[in-house]
Amino acid sequence: MLHNWLPFLIYGGFALAIPASMIVASFVFAQRPAKRTRARAIPFESGVSRGGLPPQRFTISFYLTAMLFIVFDIEIVFLYPLAVVLHQLAWFGFLELLFFVAILVVAYVYVWRKGAFEWQ
């Protein structure tokens, strides 16, 4: 009976040993500062210091560009599954691909005409 559970026990042992060894290694190799300075007491997260100027607001064009990038990026991702089964779908798949790309081109031209790609 133990023979069936042995791989799961080994996997569980590794699942517990790896995080535990990382925690122990962080305490062993940690460099303790000699004295606590004011610069070290200020919270520091994601490369941005909390001290200093307040955060500035982004313009609408920044958010518009980001949203357009996400929309077109997601739409291009939908081309991959279609390309995988395109040979099986034959002419129907090819026409569906052309229709999808035509919708993307129309959307791109519309956004371009509206001036969304101009950075001000």
PDB file of N, CA and C in Angstrom:
ATOM      1  N   MET A   1       0.828  -1.206   0.000  1.00  0.00           N
ATOM      2  CA  MET A   1       0.000   0.000   0.000  1.00  0.00           C
ATOM      3  C   MET A   1       0.868   1.263   0.000  1.00  0.00           C
ATOM      4  N   LEU A   2       1.964   1.245   0.750  1.00  0.00           N
ATOM      5  CA  LEU A   2       2.847   2.406   0.809  1.00  0.00           C
ATOM      6  C   LEU A   2       3.531   2.641  -0.532  1.00  0.00           C
ATOM      7  N   HIS A   3       3.696   1.575  -1.304  1.00  0.00           N
ATOM      8  CA  HIS A   3       4.341   1.690  -2.612  1.00  0.00           C
ATOM      9  C   HIS A   3       3.556   2.639  -3.531  1.00  0.00           C
ATOM     10  N   ASN A   4       2.242   2.663  -3.448  1.00  0.00           N
ATOM     11  CA  ASN A   4       1.403   3.547  -4.268  1.00  0.00           C
ATOM     12  C   ASN A   4       1.521   5.009  -3.828  1.00  0.00           C
ATOM     13  N   TRP A   5       1.742   5.217  -2.544  1.00  0.00           N
ATOM     14  CA  TRP A   5       1.783   6.585  -2.010  1.00  0.00           C
ATOM     15  C   TRP A   5       3.190   7.166  -1.971  1.00  0.00           C
ATOM     16  N   LEU A   6       4.196   6.386  -2.259  1.00  0.00           N
ATOM     17  CA  LEU A   6       5.581   6.850  -2.162  1.00  0.00           C
ATOM     18  C   LEU A   6       5.881   8.052  -3.051  1.00  0.00           C
ATOM     19  N   PRO A   7       5.446   8.091  -4.335  1.00  0.00           N
ATOM     20  CA  PRO A   7       5.711   9.303  -5.141  1.00  0.00           C
ATOM     21  C   PRO A   7       5.059  10.558  -4.564  1.00  0.00           C
ATOM     22  N   PHE A   8       3.851  10.418  -4.006  1.00  0.00           N
ATOM     23  CA  PHE A   8       3.185  11.575  -3.411  1.00  0.00           C
ATOM     24  C   PHE A   8       3.900  12.048  -2.154  1.00  0.00           C
ATOM     25  N   LEU A   9       4.411  11.114  -1.378  1.00  0.00           N
ATOM     26  CA  LEU A   9       5.162  11.496  -0.181  1.00  0.00           C
ATOM     27  C   LEU A   9       6.475  12.182  -0.540  1.00  0.00           C
ATOM     28  N   ILE A  10       7.140  11.697  -1.583  1.00  0.00           N
ATOM     29  CA  ILE A  10       8.386  12.341  -2.035  1.00  0.00           C
ATOM     30  C   ILE A  10       8.085  13.746  -2.541  1.00  0.00           C
ATOM     31  N   TYR A  11       7.038  13.871  -3.339  1.00  0.00           N
ATOM     32  CA  TYR A  11       6.645  15.195  -3.856  1.00  0.00           C
ATOM     33  C   TYR A  11       6.282  16.133  -2.712  1.00  0.00           C
ATOM     34  N   GLY A  12       5.522  15.647  -1.736  1.00  0.00           N
ATOM     35  CA  GLY A  12       5.170  16.468  -0.571  1.00  0.00           C
ATOM     36  C   GLY A  12       6.389  16.878   0.231  1.00  0.00           C
ATOM     37  N   GLY A  13       7.367  15.955   0.339  1.00  0.00           N
ATOM     38  CA  GLY A  13       8.612  16.288   1.039  1.00  0.00           C
ATOM     39  C   GLY A  13       9.358  17.421   0.343  1.00  0.00           C
ATOM     40  N   PHE A  14       9.438  17.337  -0.989  1.00  0.00           N
ATOM     41  CA  PHE A  14      10.069  18.427  -1.743  1.00  0.00           C
ATOM     42  C   PHE A  14       9.274  19.720  -1.621  1.00  0.00           C
ATOM     43  N   ALA A  15       7.950  19.614  -1.643  1.00  0.00           N
ATOM     44  CA  ALA A  15       7.101  20.806  -1.542  1.00  0.00           C
ATOM     45  C   ALA A  15       7.275  21.504  -0.203  1.00  0.00           C
ATOM     46  N   LEU A  16       7.600  20.779   0.826  1.00  0.00           N
ATOM     47  CA  LEU A  16       7.847  21.400   2.127  1.00  0.00           C
ATOM     48  C   LEU A  16       9.314  21.804   2.308  1.00  0.00           C
ATOM     49  N   ALA A  17      10.237  21.019   1.758  1.00  0.00           N
ATOM     50  CA  ALA A  17      11.666  21.275   1.964  1.00  0.00           C
ATOM     51  C   ALA A  17      12.156  22.506   1.213  1.00  0.00           C
ATOM     52  N   ILE A  18      11.670  22.712  -0.001  1.00  0.00           N
ATOM     53  CA  ILE A  18      12.174  23.844  -0.801  1.00  0.00           C
ATOM     54  C   ILE A  18      11.811  25.186  -0.166  1.00  0.00           C
ATOM     55  N   PRO A  19      10.537  25.476   0.164  1.00  0.00           N
ATOM     56  CA  PRO A  19      10.260  26.772   0.818  1.00  0.00           C
ATOM     57  C   PRO A  19      10.932  26.905   2.181  1.00  0.00           C
ATOM     58  N   ALA A  20      10.994  25.802   2.935  1.00  0.00           N
ATOM     59  CA  ALA A  20      11.642  25.878   4.245  1.00  0.00           C
ATOM     60  C   ALA A  20      13.127  26.209   4.093  1.00  0.00           C
ATOM     61  N   SER A  21      13.797  25.596   3.117  1.00  0.00           N
ATOM     62  CA  SER A  21      15.218  25.891   2.911  1.00  0.00           C
ATOM     63  C   SER A  21      15.422  27.332   2.443  1.00  0.00           C
ATOM     64  N   MET A  22      14.490  27.873   1.666  1.00  0.00           N
ATOM     65  CA  MET A  22      14.607  29.272   1.239  1.00  0.00           C
ATOM     66  C   MET A  22      14.465  30.230   2.416  1.00  0.00           C
ATOM     67  N   ILE A  23      13.551  29.932   3.309  1.00  0.00           N
ATOM     68  CA  ILE A  23      13.365  30.787   4.488  1.00  0.00           C
ATOM     69  C   ILE A  23      14.596  30.723   5.387  1.00  0.00           C
ATOM     70  N   VAL A  24      15.106  29.525   5.619  1.00  0.00           N
ATOM     71  CA  VAL A  24      16.303  29.370   6.456  1.00  0.00           C
ATOM     72  C   VAL A  24      17.492  30.070   5.806  1.00  0.00           C
ATOM     73  N   ALA A  25      17.653  29.936   4.482  1.00  0.00           N
ATOM     74  CA  ALA A  25      18.768  30.576   3.780  1.00  0.00           C
ATOM     75  C   ALA A  25      18.674  32.096   3.847  1.00  0.00           C
ATOM     76  N   SER A  26      17.458  32.635   3.818  1.00  0.00           N
ATOM     77  CA  SER A  26      17.332  34.089   3.907  1.00  0.00           C
ATOM     78  C   SER A  26      17.765  34.605   5.273  1.00  0.00           C
ATOM     79  N   PHE A  27      17.531  33.825   6.335  1.00  0.00           N
ATOM     80  CA  PHE A  27      17.988  34.243   7.652  1.00  0.00           C
ATOM     81  C   PHE A  27      19.497  34.045   7.810  1.00  0.00           C
ATOM     82  N   VAL A  28      20.029  33.002   7.204  1.00  0.00           N
ATOM     83  CA  VAL A  28      21.458  32.716   7.340  1.00  0.00           C
ATOM     84  C   VAL A  28      22.299  33.736   6.573  1.00  0.00           C
ATOM     85  N   PHE A  29      21.882  34.060   5.345  1.00  0.00           N
ATOM     86  CA  PHE A  29      22.694  34.925   4.492  1.00  0.00           C
ATOM     87  C   PHE A  29      22.290  36.405   4.545  1.00  0.00           C
ATOM     88  N   ALA A  30      21.332  36.752   5.375  1.00  0.00           N
ATOM     89  CA  ALA A  30      20.887  38.147   5.455  1.00  0.00           C
ATOM     90  C   ALA A  30      21.996  39.011   6.039  1.00  0.00           C
ATOM     91  N   GLN A  31      22.153  40.216   5.470  1.00  0.00           N
ATOM     92  CA  GLN A  31      23.131  41.160   5.981  1.00  0.00           C
ATOM     93  C   GLN A  31      22.396  42.151   6.875  1.00  0.00           C
ATOM     94  N   ARG A  32      22.788  42.175   8.108  1.00  0.00           N
ATOM     95  CA  ARG A  32      22.156  43.069   9.066  1.00  0.00           C
ATOM     96  C   ARG A  32      22.865  44.427   9.019  1.00  0.00           C
ATOM     97  N   PRO A  33      22.105  45.518   8.890  1.00  0.00           N
ATOM     98  CA  PRO A  33      22.761  46.836   8.909  1.00  0.00           C
ATOM     99  C   PRO A  33      23.307  47.138  10.298  1.00  0.00           C
ATOM    100  N   ALA A  34      24.442  47.838  10.312  1.00  0.00           N
ATOM    101  CA  ALA A  34      25.080  48.157  11.587  1.00  0.00           C
ATOM    102  C   ALA A  34      24.226  49.110  12.404  1.00  0.00           C
ATOM    103  N   LYS A  35      23.654  50.104  11.757  1.00  0.00           N
ATOM    104  CA  LYS A  35      22.776  51.030  12.468  1.00  0.00           C
ATOM    105  C   LYS A  35      21.626  51.416  11.554  1.00  0.00           C
ATOM    106  N   ARG A  36      20.537  51.745  12.130  1.00  0.00           N
ATOM    107  CA  ARG A  36      19.329  52.087  11.381  1.00  0.00           C
ATOM    108  C   ARG A  36      19.354  53.582  11.086  1.00  0.00           C
ATOM    109  N   THR A  37      19.392  53.930   9.784  1.00  0.00           N
ATOM    110  CA  THR A  37      19.413  55.322   9.384  1.00  0.00           C
ATOM    111  C   THR A  37      18.017  55.750   8.928  1.00  0.00           C
ATOM    112  N   ARG A  38      17.840  57.041   8.728  1.00  0.00           N
ATOM    113  CA  ARG A  38      16.543  57.564   8.291  1.00  0.00           C
ATOM    114  C   ARG A  38      16.191  57.068   6.886  1.00  0.00           C
ATOM    115  N   ALA A  39      17.207  56.945   6.033  1.00  0.00           N
ATOM    116  CA  ALA A  39      16.971  56.479   4.664  1.00  0.00           C
ATOM    117  C   ALA A  39      16.480  55.032   4.654  1.00  0.00           C
ATOM    118  N   ARG A  40      16.952  54.229   5.594  1.00  0.00           N
ATOM    119  CA  ARG A  40      16.513  52.832   5.644  1.00  0.00           C
ATOM    120  C   ARG A  40      15.147  52.688   6.300  1.00  0.00           C
ATOM    121  N   ALA A  41      14.718  53.661   7.050  1.00  0.00           N
ATOM    122  CA  ALA A  41      13.437  53.591   7.732  1.00  0.00           C
ATOM    123  C   ALA A  41      12.277  53.952   6.808  1.00  0.00           C
ATOM    124  N   ILE A  42      12.550  54.627   5.681  1.00  0.00           N
ATOM    125  CA  ILE A  42      11.492  55.018   4.747  1.00  0.00           C
ATOM    126  C   ILE A  42      11.062  53.796   3.941  1.00  0.00           C
ATOM    127  N   PRO A  43       9.761  53.528   3.849  1.00  0.00           N
ATOM    128  CA  PRO A  43       9.308  52.378   3.053  1.00  0.00           C
ATOM    129  C   PRO A  43       9.703  52.537   1.589  1.00  0.00           C
ATOM    130  N   PHE A  44      10.113  51.434   0.993  1.00  0.00           N
ATOM    131  CA  PHE A  44      10.560  51.419  -0.395  1.00  0.00           C
ATOM    132  C   PHE A  44       9.915  50.226  -1.071  1.00  0.00           C
ATOM    133  N   GLU A  45       9.109  50.505  -2.091  1.00  0.00           N
ATOM    134  CA  GLU A  45       8.391  49.413  -2.739  1.00  0.00           C
ATOM    135  C   GLU A  45       8.364  49.616  -4.247  1.00  0.00           C
ATOM    136  N   SER A  46       8.650  48.614  -4.979  1.00  0.00           N
ATOM    137  CA  SER A  46       8.578  48.600  -6.440  1.00  0.00           C
ATOM    138  C   SER A  46       9.435  49.679  -7.087  1.00  0.00           C
ATOM    139  N   GLY A  47      10.548  49.997  -6.508  1.00  0.00           N
ATOM    140  CA  GLY A  47      11.452  50.958  -7.111  1.00  0.00           C
ATOM    141  C   GLY A  47      11.030  52.401  -6.945  1.00  0.00           C
ATOM    142  N   VAL A  48      10.004  52.669  -6.157  1.00  0.00           N
ATOM    143  CA  VAL A  48       9.520  54.027  -5.975  1.00  0.00           C
ATOM    144  C   VAL A  48       9.663  54.399  -4.508  1.00  0.00           C
ATOM    145  N   SER A  49      10.388  55.449  -4.253  1.00  0.00           N
ATOM    146  CA  SER A  49      10.561  55.920  -2.886  1.00  0.00           C
ATOM    147  C   SER A  49       9.309  56.656  -2.434  1.00  0.00           C
ATOM    148  N   ARG A  50       8.896  56.433  -1.208  1.00  0.00           N
ATOM    149  CA  ARG A  50       7.698  57.088  -0.686  1.00  0.00           C
ATOM    150  C   ARG A  50       7.964  58.545  -0.323  1.00  0.00           C
ATOM    151  N   GLY A  51       9.188  58.879  -0.080  1.00  0.00           N
ATOM    152  CA  GLY A  51       9.500  60.259   0.247  1.00  0.00           C
ATOM    153  C   GLY A  51       9.623  61.089  -1.016  1.00  0.00           C
ATOM    154  N   GLY A  52       9.367  62.354  -0.918  1.00  0.00           N
ATOM    155  CA  GLY A  52       9.536  63.216  -2.081  1.00  0.00           C
ATOM    156  C   GLY A  52       8.220  63.775  -2.573  1.00  0.00           C
ATOM    157  N   LEU A  53       8.159  64.034  -3.872  1.00  0.00           N
ATOM    158  CA  LEU A  53       6.982  64.652  -4.473  1.00  0.00           C
ATOM    159  C   LEU A  53       5.798  63.689  -4.525  1.00  0.00           C
ATOM    160  N   PRO A  54       4.586  64.233  -4.450  1.00  0.00           N
ATOM    161  CA  PRO A  54       3.417  63.360  -4.595  1.00  0.00           C
ATOM    162  C   PRO A  54       3.320  62.848  -6.033  1.00  0.00           C
ATOM    163  N   PRO A  55       2.674  61.720  -6.249  1.00  0.00           N
ATOM    164  CA  PRO A  55       2.588  61.174  -7.603  1.00  0.00           C
ATOM    165  C   PRO A  55       1.813  62.103  -8.538  1.00  0.00           C
ATOM    166  N   GLN A  56       2.285  62.190  -9.777  1.00  0.00           N
ATOM    167  CA  GLN A  56       1.629  63.047 -10.754  1.00  0.00           C
ATOM    168  C   GLN A  56       0.559  62.265 -11.486  1.00  0.00           C
ATOM    169  N   ARG A  57      -0.449  62.963 -11.962  1.00  0.00           N
ATOM    170  CA  ARG A  57      -1.540  62.318 -12.684  1.00  0.00           C
ATOM    171  C   ARG A  57      -1.135  62.097 -14.137  1.00  0.00           C
ATOM    172  N   PHE A  58      -1.604  60.982 -14.681  1.00  0.00           N
ATOM    173  CA  PHE A  58      -1.355  60.676 -16.080  1.00  0.00           C
ATOM    174  C   PHE A  58      -2.452  61.309 -16.924  1.00  0.00           C
ATOM    175  N   THR A  59      -2.102  61.649 -18.158  1.00  0.00           N
ATOM    176  CA  THR A  59      -3.087  62.226 -19.060  1.00  0.00           C
ATOM    177  C   THR A  59      -3.977  61.119 -19.619  1.00  0.00           C
ATOM    178  N   ILE A  60      -5.104  61.537 -20.182  1.00  0.00           N
ATOM    179  CA  ILE A  60      -6.053  60.592 -20.761  1.00  0.00           C
ATOM    180  C   ILE A  60      -5.426  59.849 -21.938  1.00  0.00           C
ATOM    181  N   SER A  61      -4.563  60.503 -22.696  1.00  0.00           N
ATOM    182  CA  SER A  61      -3.960  59.847 -23.858  1.00  0.00           C
ATOM    183  C   SER A  61      -3.108  58.644 -23.452  1.00  0.00           C
ATOM    184  N   PHE A  62      -2.520  58.689 -22.268  1.00  0.00           N
ATOM    185  CA  PHE A  62      -1.758  57.543 -21.790  1.00  0.00           C
ATOM    186  C   PHE A  62      -2.675  56.340 -21.589  1.00  0.00           C
ATOM    187  N   TYR A  63      -3.803  56.549 -20.931  1.00  0.00           N
ATOM    188  CA  TYR A  63      -4.744  55.461 -20.687  1.00  0.00           C
ATOM    189  C   TYR A  63      -5.372  54.974 -21.985  1.00  0.00           C
ATOM    190  N   LEU A  64      -5.655  55.875 -22.900  1.00  0.00           N
ATOM    191  CA  LEU A  64      -6.238  55.492 -24.185  1.00  0.00           C
ATOM    192  C   LEU A  64      -5.262  54.620 -24.972  1.00  0.00           C
ATOM    193  N   THR A  65      -4.005  55.003 -24.989  1.00  0.00           N
ATOM    194  CA  THR A  65      -3.003  54.211 -25.682  1.00  0.00           C
ATOM    195  C   THR A  65      -2.855  52.833 -25.034  1.00  0.00           C
ATOM    196  N   ALA A  66      -2.863  52.789 -23.721  1.00  0.00           N
ATOM    197  CA  ALA A  66      -2.751  51.507 -23.018  1.00  0.00           C
ATOM    198  C   ALA A  66      -3.950  50.612 -23.320  1.00  0.00           C
ATOM    199  N   MET A  67      -5.148  51.165 -23.303  1.00  0.00           N
ATOM    200  CA  MET A  67      -6.344  50.366 -23.591  1.00  0.00           C
ATOM    201  C   MET A  67      -6.340  49.873 -25.031  1.00  0.00           C
ATOM    202  N   LEU A  68      -5.928  50.718 -25.964  1.00  0.00           N
ATOM    203  CA  LEU A  68      -5.872  50.291 -27.360  1.00  0.00           C
ATOM    204  C   LEU A  68      -4.844  49.178 -27.549  1.00  0.00           C
ATOM    205  N   PHE A  69      -3.722  49.297 -26.884  1.00  0.00           N
ATOM    206  CA  PHE A  69      -2.722  48.243 -26.972  1.00  0.00           C
ATOM    207  C   PHE A  69      -3.287  46.927 -26.459  1.00  0.00           C
ATOM    208  N   ILE A  70      -3.964  46.969 -25.327  1.00  0.00           N
ATOM    209  CA  ILE A  70      -4.523  45.745 -24.752  1.00  0.00           C
ATOM    210  C   ILE A  70      -5.580  45.154 -25.680  1.00  0.00           C
ATOM    211  N   VAL A  71      -6.461  45.988 -26.224  1.00  0.00           N
ATOM    212  CA  VAL A  71      -7.519  45.490 -27.101  1.00  0.00           C
ATOM    213  C   VAL A  71      -6.926  44.837 -28.348  1.00  0.00           C
ATOM    214  N   PHE A  72      -6.008  45.513 -29.024  1.00  0.00           N
ATOM    215  CA  PHE A  72      -5.430  44.947 -30.236  1.00  0.00           C
ATOM    216  C   PHE A  72      -4.556  43.738 -29.930  1.00  0.00           C
ATOM    217  N   ASP A  73      -3.899  43.740 -28.790  1.00  0.00           N
ATOM    218  CA  ASP A  73      -3.083  42.604 -28.407  1.00  0.00           C
ATOM    219  C   ASP A  73      -3.944  41.372 -28.164  1.00  0.00           C
ATOM    220  N   ILE A  74      -5.043  41.543 -27.475  1.00  0.00           N
ATOM    221  CA  ILE A  74      -5.956  40.426 -27.219  1.00  0.00           C
ATOM    222  C   ILE A  74      -6.569  39.930 -28.518  1.00  0.00           C
ATOM    223  N   GLU A  75      -6.902  40.836 -29.410  1.00  0.00           N
ATOM    224  CA  GLU A  75      -7.491  40.416 -30.688  1.00  0.00           C
ATOM    225  C   GLU A  75      -6.484  39.623 -31.514  1.00  0.00           C
ATOM    226  N   ILE A  76      -5.220  40.014 -31.481  1.00  0.00           N
ATOM    227  CA  ILE A  76      -4.209  39.283 -32.238  1.00  0.00           C
ATOM    228  C   ILE A  76      -3.998  37.894 -31.634  1.00  0.00           C
ATOM    229  N   VAL A  77      -4.166  37.761 -30.327  1.00  0.00           N
ATOM    230  CA  VAL A  77      -4.030  36.448 -29.692  1.00  0.00           C
ATOM    231  C   VAL A  77      -5.088  35.482 -30.226  1.00  0.00           C
ATOM    232  N   PHE A  78      -6.253  35.988 -30.604  1.00  0.00           N
ATOM    233  CA  PHE A  78      -7.298  35.123 -31.144  1.00  0.00           C
ATOM    234  C   PHE A  78      -6.947  34.590 -32.535  1.00  0.00           C
ATOM    235  N   LEU A  79      -5.950  35.147 -33.180  1.00  0.00           N
ATOM    236  CA  LEU A  79      -5.538  34.633 -34.481  1.00  0.00           C
ATOM    237  C   LEU A  79      -4.803  33.290 -34.362  1.00  0.00           C
ATOM    238  N   TYR A  80      -4.159  33.046 -33.245  1.00  0.00           N
ATOM    239  CA  TYR A  80      -3.380  31.817 -33.105  1.00  0.00           C
ATOM    240  C   TYR A  80      -4.247  30.555 -33.184  1.00  0.00           C
ATOM    241  N   PRO A  81      -5.339  30.441 -32.411  1.00  0.00           N
ATOM    242  CA  PRO A  81      -6.159  29.226 -32.538  1.00  0.00           C
ATOM    243  C   PRO A  81      -6.728  29.048 -33.943  1.00  0.00           C
ATOM    244  N   LEU A  82      -7.060  30.129 -34.588  1.00  0.00           N
ATOM    245  CA  LEU A  82      -7.568  30.038 -35.948  1.00  0.00           C
ATOM    246  C   LEU A  82      -6.478  29.553 -36.896  1.00  0.00           C
ATOM    247  N   ALA A  83      -5.256  30.009 -36.686  1.00  0.00           N
ATOM    248  CA  ALA A  83      -4.152  29.571 -37.539  1.00  0.00           C
ATOM    249  C   ALA A  83      -3.840  28.094 -37.326  1.00  0.00           C
ATOM    250  N   VAL A  84      -4.069  27.586 -36.129  1.00  0.00           N
ATOM    251  CA  VAL A  84      -3.789  26.181 -35.844  1.00  0.00           C
ATOM    252  C   VAL A  84      -4.749  25.267 -36.608  1.00  0.00           C
ATOM    253  N   VAL A  85      -6.027  25.646 -36.689  1.00  0.00           N
ATOM    254  CA  VAL A  85      -7.028  24.792 -37.342  1.00  0.00           C
ATOM    255  C   VAL A  85      -7.380  25.278 -38.744  1.00  0.00           C
ATOM    256  N   LEU A  86      -6.612  26.184 -39.286  1.00  0.00           N
ATOM    257  CA  LEU A  86      -6.939  26.757 -40.591  1.00  0.00           C
ATOM    258  C   LEU A  86      -6.921  25.702 -41.702  1.00  0.00           C
ATOM    259  N   HIS A  87      -6.009  24.768 -41.623  1.00  0.00           N
ATOM    260  CA  HIS A  87      -5.941  23.729 -42.657  1.00  0.00           C
ATOM    261  C   HIS A  87      -7.182  22.826 -42.609  1.00  0.00           C
ATOM    262  N   GLN A  88      -7.683  22.553 -41.420  1.00  0.00           N
ATOM    263  CA  GLN A  88      -8.876  21.707 -41.283  1.00  0.00           C
ATOM    264  C   GLN A  88     -10.137  22.433 -41.732  1.00  0.00           C
ATOM    265  N   LEU A  89     -10.184  23.727 -41.545  1.00  0.00           N
ATOM    266  CA  LEU A  89     -11.381  24.489 -41.898  1.00  0.00           C
ATOM    267  C   LEU A  89     -11.455  24.827 -43.385  1.00  0.00           C
ATOM    268  N   ALA A  90     -10.362  24.682 -44.062  1.00  0.00           N
ATOM    269  CA  ALA A  90     -10.286  24.910 -45.519  1.00  0.00           C
ATOM    270  C   ALA A  90     -10.717  26.330 -45.876  1.00  0.00           C
ATOM    271  N   TRP A  91     -11.556  26.479 -46.903  1.00  0.00           N
ATOM    272  CA  TRP A  91     -11.950  27.808 -47.391  1.00  0.00           C
ATOM    273  C   TRP A  91     -12.792  28.577 -46.375  1.00  0.00           C
ATOM    274  N   PHE A  92     -13.621  27.868 -45.611  1.00  0.00           N
ATOM    275  CA  PHE A  92     -14.410  28.555 -44.586  1.00  0.00           C
ATOM    276  C   PHE A  92     -13.493  29.222 -43.572  1.00  0.00           C
ATOM    277  N   GLY A  93     -12.454  28.528 -43.138  1.00  0.00           N
ATOM    278  CA  GLY A  93     -11.496  29.096 -42.185  1.00  0.00           C
ATOM    279  C   GLY A  93     -10.741  30.265 -42.762  1.00  0.00           C
ATOM    280  N   PHE A  94     -10.377  30.144 -44.053  1.00  0.00           N
ATOM    281  CA  PHE A  94      -9.658  31.242 -44.691  1.00  0.00           C
ATOM    282  C   PHE A  94     -10.535  32.484 -44.798  1.00  0.00           C
ATOM    283  N   LEU A  95     -11.797  32.306 -45.178  1.00  0.00           N
ATOM    284  CA  LEU A  95     -12.715  33.454 -45.254  1.00  0.00           C
ATOM    285  C   LEU A  95     -12.985  34.039 -43.870  1.00  0.00           C
ATOM    286  N   GLU A  96     -13.077  33.169 -42.877  1.00  0.00           N
ATOM    287  CA  GLU A  96     -13.257  33.650 -41.503  1.00  0.00           C
ATOM    288  C   GLU A  96     -12.037  34.454 -41.060  1.00  0.00           C
ATOM    289  N   LEU A  97     -10.839  33.996 -41.411  1.00  0.00           N
ATOM    290  CA  LEU A  97      -9.608  34.724 -41.100  1.00  0.00           C
ATOM    291  C   LEU A  97      -9.596  36.088 -41.780  1.00  0.00           C
ATOM    292  N   LEU A  98      -9.966  36.133 -43.059  1.00  0.00           N
ATOM    293  CA  LEU A  98     -10.016  37.415 -43.772  1.00  0.00           C
ATOM    294  C   LEU A  98     -11.038  38.363 -43.151  1.00  0.00           C
ATOM    295  N   PHE A  99     -12.173  37.840 -42.746  1.00  0.00           N
ATOM    296  CA  PHE A  99     -13.201  38.670 -42.111  1.00  0.00           C
ATOM    297  C   PHE A  99     -12.694  39.235 -40.769  1.00  0.00           C
ATOM    298  N   PHE A 100     -12.034  38.399 -40.003  1.00  0.00           N
ATOM    299  CA  PHE A 100     -11.499  38.842 -38.714  1.00  0.00           C
ATOM    300  C   PHE A 100     -10.440  39.917 -38.899  1.00  0.00           C
ATOM    301  N   VAL A 101      -9.538  39.717 -39.850  1.00  0.00           N
ATOM    302  CA  VAL A 101      -8.500  40.712 -40.113  1.00  0.00           C
ATOM    303  C   VAL A 101      -9.121  41.996 -40.660  1.00  0.00           C
ATOM    304  N   ALA A 102     -10.175  41.880 -41.452  1.00  0.00           N
ATOM    305  CA  ALA A 102     -10.850  43.076 -41.966  1.00  0.00           C
ATOM    306  C   ALA A 102     -11.466  43.883 -40.820  1.00  0.00           C
ATOM    307  N   ILE A 103     -12.060  43.209 -39.863  1.00  0.00           N
ATOM    308  CA  ILE A 103     -12.602  43.913 -38.687  1.00  0.00           C
ATOM    309  C   ILE A 103     -11.485  44.631 -37.939  1.00  0.00           C
ATOM    310  N   LEU A 104     -10.334  43.966 -37.778  1.00  0.00           N
ATOM    311  CA  LEU A 104      -9.206  44.602 -37.101  1.00  0.00           C
ATOM    312  C   LEU A 104      -8.705  45.823 -37.866  1.00  0.00           C
ATOM    313  N   VAL A 105      -8.644  45.724 -39.181  1.00  0.00           N
ATOM    314  CA  VAL A 105      -8.167  46.850 -39.990  1.00  0.00           C
ATOM    315  C   VAL A 105      -9.146  48.011 -39.907  1.00  0.00           C
ATOM    316  N   VAL A 106     -10.438  47.733 -39.964  1.00  0.00           N
ATOM    317  CA  VAL A 106     -11.446  48.799 -39.845  1.00  0.00           C
ATOM    318  C   VAL A 106     -11.332  49.479 -38.482  1.00  0.00           C
ATOM    319  N   ALA A 107     -11.176  48.695 -37.430  1.00  0.00           N
ATOM    320  CA  ALA A 107     -11.027  49.278 -36.090  1.00  0.00           C
ATOM    321  C   ALA A 107      -9.755  50.109 -35.991  1.00  0.00           C
ATOM    322  N   TYR A 108      -8.677  49.613 -36.570  1.00  0.00           N
ATOM    323  CA  TYR A 108      -7.407  50.344 -36.540  1.00  0.00           C
ATOM    324  C   TYR A 108      -7.525  51.671 -37.288  1.00  0.00           C
ATOM    325  N   VAL A 109      -8.151  51.660 -38.477  1.00  0.00           N
ATOM    326  CA  VAL A 109      -8.313  52.893 -39.253  1.00  0.00           C
ATOM    327  C   VAL A 109      -9.222  53.871 -38.514  1.00  0.00           C
ATOM    328  N   TYR A 110     -10.264  53.374 -37.877  1.00  0.00           N
ATOM    329  CA  TYR A 110     -11.171  54.235 -37.113  1.00  0.00           C
ATOM    330  C   TYR A 110     -10.430  54.937 -35.979  1.00  0.00           C
ATOM    331  N   VAL A 111      -9.646  54.173 -35.236  1.00  0.00           N
ATOM    332  CA  VAL A 111      -8.899  54.758 -34.114  1.00  0.00           C
ATOM    333  C   VAL A 111      -7.849  55.729 -34.631  1.00  0.00           C
ATOM    334  N   TRP A 112      -7.246  55.413 -35.763  1.00  0.00           N
ATOM    335  CA  TRP A 112      -6.246  56.288 -36.352  1.00  0.00           C
ATOM    336  C   TRP A 112      -6.880  57.597 -36.799  1.00  0.00           C
ATOM    337  N   ARG A 113      -8.052  57.534 -37.424  1.00  0.00           N
ATOM    338  CA  ARG A 113      -8.758  58.756 -37.875  1.00  0.00           C
ATOM    339  C   ARG A 113      -9.181  59.634 -36.701  1.00  0.00           C
ATOM    340  N   LYS A 114      -9.528  58.996 -35.588  1.00  0.00           N
ATOM    341  CA  LYS A 114      -9.926  59.760 -34.403  1.00  0.00           C
ATOM    342  C   LYS A 114      -8.745  60.431 -33.726  1.00  0.00           C
ATOM    343  N   GLY A 115      -7.525  60.075 -34.118  1.00  0.00           N
ATOM    344  CA  GLY A 115      -6.336  60.711 -33.563  1.00  0.00           C
ATOM    345  C   GLY A 115      -5.875  60.111 -32.245  1.00  0.00           C
ATOM    346  N   ALA A 116      -6.250  58.866 -31.987  1.00  0.00           N
ATOM    347  CA  ALA A 116      -5.880  58.255 -30.728  1.00  0.00           C
ATOM    348  C   ALA A 116      -4.400  57.895 -30.664  1.00  0.00           C
ATOM    349  N   PHE A 117      -3.741  57.783 -31.806  1.00  0.00           N
ATOM    350  CA  PHE A 117      -2.338  57.416 -31.817  1.00  0.00           C
ATOM    351  C   PHE A 117      -1.404  58.613 -31.751  1.00  0.00           C
ATOM    352  N   GLU A 118      -1.940  59.820 -31.751  1.00  0.00           N
ATOM    353  CA  GLU A 118      -1.113  61.020 -31.673  1.00  0.00           C
ATOM    354  C   GLU A 118      -0.845  61.353 -30.212  1.00  0.00           C
ATOM    355  N   TRP A 119       0.415  61.395 -29.868  1.00  0.00           N
ATOM    356  CA  TRP A 119       0.807  61.698 -28.490  1.00  0.00           C
ATOM    357  C   TRP A 119       0.956  63.199 -28.318  1.00  0.00           C
ATOM    358  N   GLN A 120       0.280  63.755 -27.334  1.00  0.00           N
ATOM    359  CA  GLN A 120       0.335  65.213 -27.135  1.00  0.00           C
ATOM    360  C   GLN A 120       0.907  65.539 -25.792  1.00  0.00           C
TER     361      GLN A 120
END
